[in-house]
Amino acid sequence: MSALPAGVALWAGAASLATALALAVWLLVVPSGRLPVARRRYGAAEEPGLLTQAAGATTVVIERTLARRGGTQAWATALGLAGIKVALPEFVLLVGAAALAALAVGLVVGNLVVGVLLAGFTVAGSVVFVSMRAGARRSAFADQLDDMLQLLAGNLRAGHSILQSFDSLATELEEPGATEITRVVNQTRVGRDLGDALNDAGERMDSDDFRWVAQAIAIHRQVGGNLADVLDQVGETIRERNQIRRQVKALAAEGKLSALVLLGLPFAVMLLLLVINPGYLAPMVSNVLGFLMIGLGAVMLSIGALWMRKVITVTF
């Protein structure tokens, strides 16, 4: 595999950017020359523009492709966990557009290999972004559990039923607890069992503490008793676990920062060399030995990332 000549890569990248800019100007700036539908026919809905129609057709094709390949529900759940209020086909379309833009930039500033690497980093970065957002929401949900149980026990002592207490809880909590409790309340309103809805929320947020809450409520519904006192005891246990978890998180913060610096340093050096001296990395992308070294470096970097993640991840 050989890289494209510098002149060809430059002209290809410039042509891609010019084509994208021309399409944007034509679709968004140049008027169509027709009166709007609302002015020609009173009460008629405005017809979608060419850009809207093209985006809609593209999302339909992406949705059908994802449905054939499977795994649509898993990715949609991941976007929901990350708090990204965008449909899966639209998110894939946005990531694809960003990857194409990165490919064009790579062709302009470097060559085909640089463009492909930038496009790959864009796609991988979007996956990492979704994963990090989901992890952050799960961590925030775990921090809300002790306050959540206090509010729930207080509502029960005020004379509310368990469903009324959850309904009131959904309006008093902040994100992401408000969204999860609202989902539980909506599921129970359409006929789903409360225990199943709570267990589903615990699985979705991957929270052992919330699973304990669901089990406590399920046991109370079977044998009776003072649920408020039971929730207070569970809340005290969760509060102590959260204190330990925060201490572990603080102690592991230095190791996580070191891991991020070590993982990002090779890419930062590569980008710096591309800006300062673009021809310095040319031998790495112009012969087979260079590609083998890049592949070996990627494998070693992946092994190091997995090793550091295992070291700094503490399970208790």
Protein backbone atom coordinates (compact mmCIF):
# COMPACT_ATOMS: atom_id res chain seq x y z
CA MET A 1 0.00 0.00 0.00
CA SER A 2 1.42 3.36 -1.00
CA ALA A 3 0.31 6.80 0.02
CA LEU A 4 -1.12 9.23 -2.49
CA PRO A 5 1.22 11.91 -3.85
CA ALA A 6 1.19 15.12 -1.86
CA GLY A 7 -0.30 17.15 -4.71
CA VAL A 8 -3.09 14.64 -5.36
CA ALA A 9 -3.96 14.42 -1.65
CA LEU A 10 -4.00 18.20 -1.34
CA TRP A 11 -6.27 18.66 -4.32
CA ALA A 12 -8.56 15.80 -3.20
CA GLY A 13 -8.98 17.31 0.27
CA ALA A 14 -9.53 20.79 -1.15
CA ALA A 15 -12.11 19.43 -3.59
CA SER A 16 -13.96 17.64 -0.79
CA LEU A 17 -14.13 20.78 1.33
CA ALA A 18 -15.14 22.94 -1.63
CA THR A 19 -17.91 20.49 -2.60
CA ALA A 20 -19.25 20.39 0.95
CA LEU A 21 -19.18 24.20 1.17
CA ALA A 22 -20.93 24.57 -2.20
CA LEU A 23 -23.67 22.13 -1.19
CA ALA A 24 -24.18 23.94 2.11
CA VAL A 25 -24.44 27.32 0.37
CA TRP A 26 -26.81 25.97 -2.27
CA LEU A 27 -29.11 24.27 0.23
CA LEU A 28 -29.08 26.87 2.99
CA VAL A 29 -28.40 30.26 1.40
CA VAL A 30 -29.63 30.33 -2.18
CA PRO A 31 -33.42 30.97 -2.24
CA SER A 32 -35.64 28.56 -4.13
CA GLY A 33 -37.56 31.31 -6.00
CA ARG A 34 -40.96 29.99 -4.90
CA LEU A 35 -43.42 31.46 -2.44
CA PRO A 36 -43.76 29.53 0.80
CA VAL A 37 -46.63 27.06 1.00
CA ALA A 38 -48.13 28.97 3.93
CA ARG A 39 -48.49 32.08 1.69
CA ARG A 40 -49.96 30.18 -1.25
CA ARG A 41 -52.39 27.98 0.69
CA TYR A 42 -53.63 29.11 4.10
CA GLY A 43 -53.33 26.44 6.76
CA ALA A 44 -51.11 24.15 4.69
CA ALA A 45 -47.99 22.75 6.31
CA GLU A 46 -44.64 23.93 5.02
CA GLU A 47 -42.88 21.38 2.83
CA PRO A 48 -39.55 20.19 4.21
CA GLY A 49 -36.47 21.55 2.50
CA LEU A 50 -34.02 19.58 0.42
CA LEU A 51 -31.59 19.32 3.33
CA THR A 52 -34.31 17.99 5.63
CA GLN A 53 -35.47 15.49 3.01
CA ALA A 54 -31.90 14.32 2.36
CA ALA A 55 -31.20 13.93 6.08
CA GLY A 56 -34.47 12.05 6.59
CA ALA A 57 -33.77 9.65 3.72
CA THR A 58 -30.24 9.06 4.99
CA THR A 59 -31.43 8.29 8.53
CA VAL A 60 -33.99 5.82 7.14
CA VAL A 61 -31.25 4.00 5.22
CA ILE A 62 -29.01 3.95 8.31
CA GLU A 63 -31.86 2.65 10.47
CA ARG A 64 -32.59 -0.19 8.06
CA THR A 65 -28.91 -1.09 7.84
CA LEU A 66 -28.56 -1.17 11.64
CA ALA A 67 -31.71 -3.27 11.94
CA ARG A 68 -30.31 -5.85 9.52
CA ARG A 69 -27.00 -6.03 11.37
CA GLY A 70 -28.59 -6.24 14.83
CA GLY A 71 -27.49 -4.59 18.05
CA THR A 72 -29.70 -1.53 17.50
CA GLN A 73 -31.32 -1.82 20.92
CA ALA A 74 -27.96 -2.05 22.69
CA TRP A 75 -26.63 1.11 21.02
CA ALA A 76 -29.89 2.96 21.63
CA THR A 77 -29.70 1.97 25.30
CA ALA A 78 -26.10 3.22 25.44
CA LEU A 79 -27.16 6.60 24.05
CA GLY A 80 -29.96 6.76 26.61
CA LEU A 81 -27.53 5.97 29.43
CA ALA A 82 -25.23 8.72 28.20
CA GLY A 83 -28.10 11.21 28.28
CA ILE A 84 -27.81 11.91 24.54
CA LYS A 85 -31.33 12.79 23.39
CA VAL A 86 -30.69 11.93 19.75
CA ALA A 87 -32.00 8.95 17.83
CA LEU A 88 -29.45 6.29 16.93
CA PRO A 89 -29.61 6.82 13.12
CA GLU A 90 -29.14 10.58 13.59
CA PHE A 91 -26.17 10.00 15.89
CA VAL A 92 -24.59 7.64 13.36
CA LEU A 93 -25.16 10.26 10.66
CA LEU A 94 -23.47 12.95 12.75
CA VAL A 95 -20.50 10.71 13.51
CA GLY A 96 -20.21 9.78 9.83
CA ALA A 97 -20.24 13.43 8.80
CA ALA A 98 -17.56 14.25 11.38
CA ALA A 99 -15.45 11.33 10.14
CA LEU A 100 -15.71 12.54 6.54
CA ALA A 101 -14.69 16.03 7.63
CA ALA A 102 -11.71 14.58 9.50
CA LEU A 103 -10.77 12.56 6.38
CA ALA A 104 -10.85 15.73 4.26
CA VAL A 105 -8.71 17.61 6.79
CA GLY A 106 -6.21 14.75 6.85
CA LEU A 107 -5.97 14.77 3.06
CA VAL A 108 -5.29 18.51 3.09
CA VAL A 109 -2.68 18.59 5.87
CA GLY A 110 -1.09 15.21 5.16
CA ASN A 111 -1.95 12.25 2.98
CA LEU A 112 -4.49 9.44 2.68
CA VAL A 113 -3.12 7.54 5.69
CA VAL A 114 -3.36 10.61 7.91
CA GLY A 115 -6.94 11.17 6.74
CA VAL A 116 -7.92 7.57 7.46
CA LEU A 117 -6.30 7.76 10.91
CA LEU A 118 -8.13 10.98 11.74
CA ALA A 119 -11.43 9.50 10.58
CA GLY A 120 -10.81 6.39 12.67
CA PHE A 121 -9.94 8.51 15.71
CA THR A 122 -13.18 10.45 15.20
CA VAL A 123 -15.30 7.29 15.23
CA ALA A 124 -13.39 5.82 18.17
CA GLY A 125 -13.63 9.12 20.02
CA SER A 126 -17.42 9.16 19.64
CA VAL A 127 -17.65 5.65 21.12
CA VAL A 128 -15.37 6.64 24.00
CA PHE A 129 -17.42 9.81 24.55
CA VAL A 130 -20.67 7.82 24.84
CA SER A 131 -19.02 5.36 27.22
CA MET A 132 -17.60 8.13 29.40
CA ARG A 133 -20.94 9.97 29.53
CA ALA A 134 -22.71 6.75 30.53
CA GLY A 135 -20.13 6.09 33.25
CA ALA A 136 -20.46 9.63 34.56
CA ARG A 137 -24.26 9.35 34.74
CA ARG A 138 -24.02 6.03 36.57
CA SER A 139 -21.59 7.55 39.06
CA ALA A 140 -23.89 10.55 39.58
CA PHE A 141 -26.85 8.20 40.08
CA ALA A 142 -24.91 6.29 42.74
CA ASP A 143 -24.16 9.57 44.54
CA GLN A 144 -27.88 10.41 44.57
CA LEU A 145 -29.03 7.17 46.18
CA ASP A 146 -28.66 8.18 49.82
CA ASP A 147 -30.62 11.43 49.29
CA MET A 148 -33.13 9.51 47.18
CA LEU A 149 -33.83 7.04 49.99
CA GLN A 150 -34.17 9.83 52.55
CA LEU A 151 -36.77 11.59 50.40
CA LEU A 152 -38.58 8.31 49.72
CA ALA A 153 -38.73 7.43 53.42
CA GLY A 154 -39.94 10.94 54.24
CA ASN A 155 -42.75 10.68 51.69
CA LEU A 156 -43.80 7.33 53.14
CA ARG A 157 -43.88 8.75 56.66
CA ALA A 158 -46.03 11.62 55.37
CA GLY A 159 -48.71 9.06 54.49
CA HIS A 160 -48.10 8.63 50.75
CA SER A 161 -48.27 5.25 49.08
CA ILE A 162 -45.17 3.76 47.51
CA LEU A 163 -46.29 4.80 43.99
CA GLN A 164 -47.15 8.32 45.13
CA SER A 165 -43.77 8.54 46.87
CA PHE A 166 -41.93 7.61 43.66
CA ASP A 167 -44.03 10.09 41.69
CA SER A 168 -43.11 12.86 44.14
CA LEU A 169 -39.50 11.70 44.10
CA ALA A 170 -39.30 12.11 40.31
CA THR A 171 -40.12 15.82 40.61
CA GLU A 172 -37.71 16.51 43.49
CA LEU A 173 -34.57 14.81 42.22
CA GLU A 174 -32.01 16.19 39.80
CA GLU A 175 -30.54 14.42 36.79
CA PRO A 176 -29.93 11.56 36.21
CA GLY A 177 -32.08 10.26 39.08
CA ALA A 178 -35.12 12.24 37.92
CA THR A 179 -35.08 10.59 34.49
CA GLU A 180 -34.70 7.06 35.88
CA ILE A 181 -37.42 7.44 38.53
CA THR A 182 -39.72 9.07 35.97
CA ARG A 183 -39.21 6.06 33.71
CA VAL A 184 -40.10 3.74 36.58
CA VAL A 185 -43.26 5.75 37.33
CA ASN A 186 -44.32 5.80 33.67
CA GLN A 187 -43.79 2.05 33.35
CA THR A 188 -45.96 1.35 36.41
CA ARG A 189 -48.68 3.63 35.05
CA VAL A 190 -48.99 1.54 31.90
CA GLY A 191 -49.33 -1.68 33.90
CA ARG A 192 -45.83 -2.94 34.57
CA ASP A 193 -45.04 -4.36 37.99
CA LEU A 194 -43.14 -1.95 40.26
CA GLY A 195 -40.56 -4.58 41.22
CA ASP A 196 -39.77 -5.36 37.57
CA ALA A 197 -39.44 -1.65 36.75
CA LEU A 198 -37.07 -1.09 39.69
CA ASN A 199 -34.98 -4.15 38.80
CA ASP A 200 -34.76 -2.93 35.21
CA ALA A 201 -33.55 0.49 36.42
CA GLY A 202 -30.91 -1.21 38.60
CA GLU A 203 -29.67 -3.27 35.67
CA ARG A 204 -29.66 -0.26 33.36
CA MET A 205 -27.64 1.85 35.80
CA ASP A 206 -25.52 -1.16 36.86
CA SER A 207 -26.06 -0.27 40.54
CA ASP A 208 -25.91 -2.98 43.19
CA ASP A 209 -27.17 -0.47 45.74
CA PHE A 210 -30.33 0.23 43.77
CA ARG A 211 -30.87 -3.50 43.35
CA TRP A 212 -30.87 -3.73 47.16
CA VAL A 213 -33.55 -1.03 47.27
CA ALA A 214 -35.65 -2.96 44.75
CA GLN A 215 -35.24 -6.16 46.79
CA ALA A 216 -36.20 -4.35 50.02
CA ILE A 217 -39.36 -2.97 48.42
CA ALA A 218 -40.23 -6.37 46.93
CA ILE A 219 -39.80 -8.11 50.32
CA HIS A 220 -41.92 -5.44 52.03
CA ARG A 221 -44.73 -5.95 49.50
CA GLN A 222 -44.76 -9.64 50.39
CA VAL A 223 -44.35 -9.67 54.17
CA GLY A 224 -45.36 -6.11 55.15
CA GLY A 225 -43.76 -3.96 57.85
CA ASN A 226 -42.48 -0.41 58.14
CA LEU A 227 -40.89 0.29 54.78
CA ALA A 228 -39.64 3.73 55.86
CA ASP A 229 -37.45 2.19 58.61
CA VAL A 230 -36.17 -0.46 56.19
CA LEU A 231 -35.23 2.24 53.67
CA ASP A 232 -33.45 4.19 56.40
CA GLN A 233 -31.32 1.15 57.23
CA VAL A 234 -30.58 0.48 53.57
CA GLY A 235 -29.76 4.15 53.09
CA GLU A 236 -27.28 4.09 55.97
CA THR A 237 -25.51 1.11 54.42
CA ILE A 238 -25.43 2.81 51.01
CA ARG A 239 -24.13 6.01 52.58
CA GLU A 240 -21.19 4.15 54.14
CA ARG A 241 -20.45 2.40 50.85
CA ASN A 242 -20.50 5.74 49.02
CA GLN A 243 -17.97 7.16 51.47
CA ILE A 244 -15.63 4.24 50.78
CA ARG A 245 -16.22 4.56 47.04
CA ARG A 246 -15.36 8.26 47.08
CA GLN A 247 -12.17 7.57 49.04
CA VAL A 248 -11.15 4.89 46.54
CA LYS A 249 -11.94 7.25 43.67
CA ALA A 250 -9.79 9.99 45.19
CA LEU A 251 -6.87 7.63 45.78
CA ALA A 252 -7.08 6.24 42.22
CA ALA A 253 -7.36 9.69 40.59
CA GLU A 254 -3.56 10.05 40.26
CA GLY A 255 -3.26 6.68 38.54
CA LYS A 256 -6.11 7.53 36.14
CA LEU A 257 -4.51 10.85 35.24
CA SER A 258 -1.17 9.14 34.61
CA ALA A 259 -2.90 6.58 32.40
CA LEU A 260 -4.60 9.31 30.35
CA VAL A 261 -1.33 11.21 29.91
CA LEU A 262 0.60 8.11 28.83
CA LEU A 263 -2.13 7.04 26.39
CA GLY A 264 -2.52 10.48 24.84
CA LEU A 265 1.19 11.32 24.62
CA PRO A 266 1.94 9.32 21.41
CA PHE A 267 -0.98 10.92 19.55
CA ALA A 268 -0.07 14.39 20.79
CA VAL A 269 3.54 13.95 19.62
CA MET A 270 2.34 12.67 16.23
CA LEU A 271 0.07 15.69 15.71
CA LEU A 272 2.84 18.04 16.82
CA LEU A 273 5.27 16.51 14.32
CA LEU A 274 2.67 16.76 11.55
CA VAL A 275 2.37 20.48 12.22
CA ILE A 276 6.07 21.26 12.76
CA ASN A 277 7.67 18.91 10.23
CA PRO A 278 5.13 17.02 8.07
CA GLY A 279 7.81 15.12 6.16
CA TYR A 280 9.35 13.62 9.31
CA LEU A 281 6.73 10.86 9.52
CA ALA A 282 6.68 10.15 5.78
CA PRO A 283 8.82 6.96 6.06
CA MET A 284 6.27 5.51 8.51
CA VAL A 285 3.47 5.65 5.93
CA SER A 286 5.40 4.95 2.75
CA ASN A 287 6.65 1.36 3.22
CA VAL A 288 5.57 -1.93 4.74
CA LEU A 289 8.00 -1.74 7.66
CA GLY A 290 6.48 1.57 8.75
CA PHE A 291 2.97 0.12 8.75
CA LEU A 292 4.18 -2.89 10.73
CA MET A 293 5.70 -0.57 13.34
CA ILE A 294 2.47 1.42 13.56
CA GLY A 295 0.47 -1.78 14.04
CA LEU A 296 2.90 -3.06 16.67
CA GLY A 297 2.71 0.26 18.49
CA ALA A 298 -1.10 0.15 18.45
CA VAL A 299 -1.09 -3.38 19.89
CA MET A 300 1.37 -2.47 22.64
CA LEU A 301 -0.62 0.68 23.43
CA SER A 302 -3.82 -1.37 23.73
CA ILE A 303 -2.13 -3.88 26.05
CA GLY A 304 -0.78 -1.06 28.20
CA ALA A 305 -4.21 0.59 28.36
CA LEU A 306 -5.87 -2.65 29.48
CA TRP A 307 -3.13 -3.24 32.06
CA MET A 308 -3.41 0.26 33.53
CA ARG A 309 -7.19 0.02 33.60
CA LYS A 310 -6.93 -3.23 35.55
CA VAL A 311 -4.51 -1.66 38.02
CA ILE A 312 -6.56 1.48 38.74
CA THR A 313 -9.97 -0.23 38.85
CA VAL A 314 -10.87 -1.24 42.40
CA THR A 315 -13.87 -3.48 43.07
CA PHE A 316 -15.36 -3.63 46.53
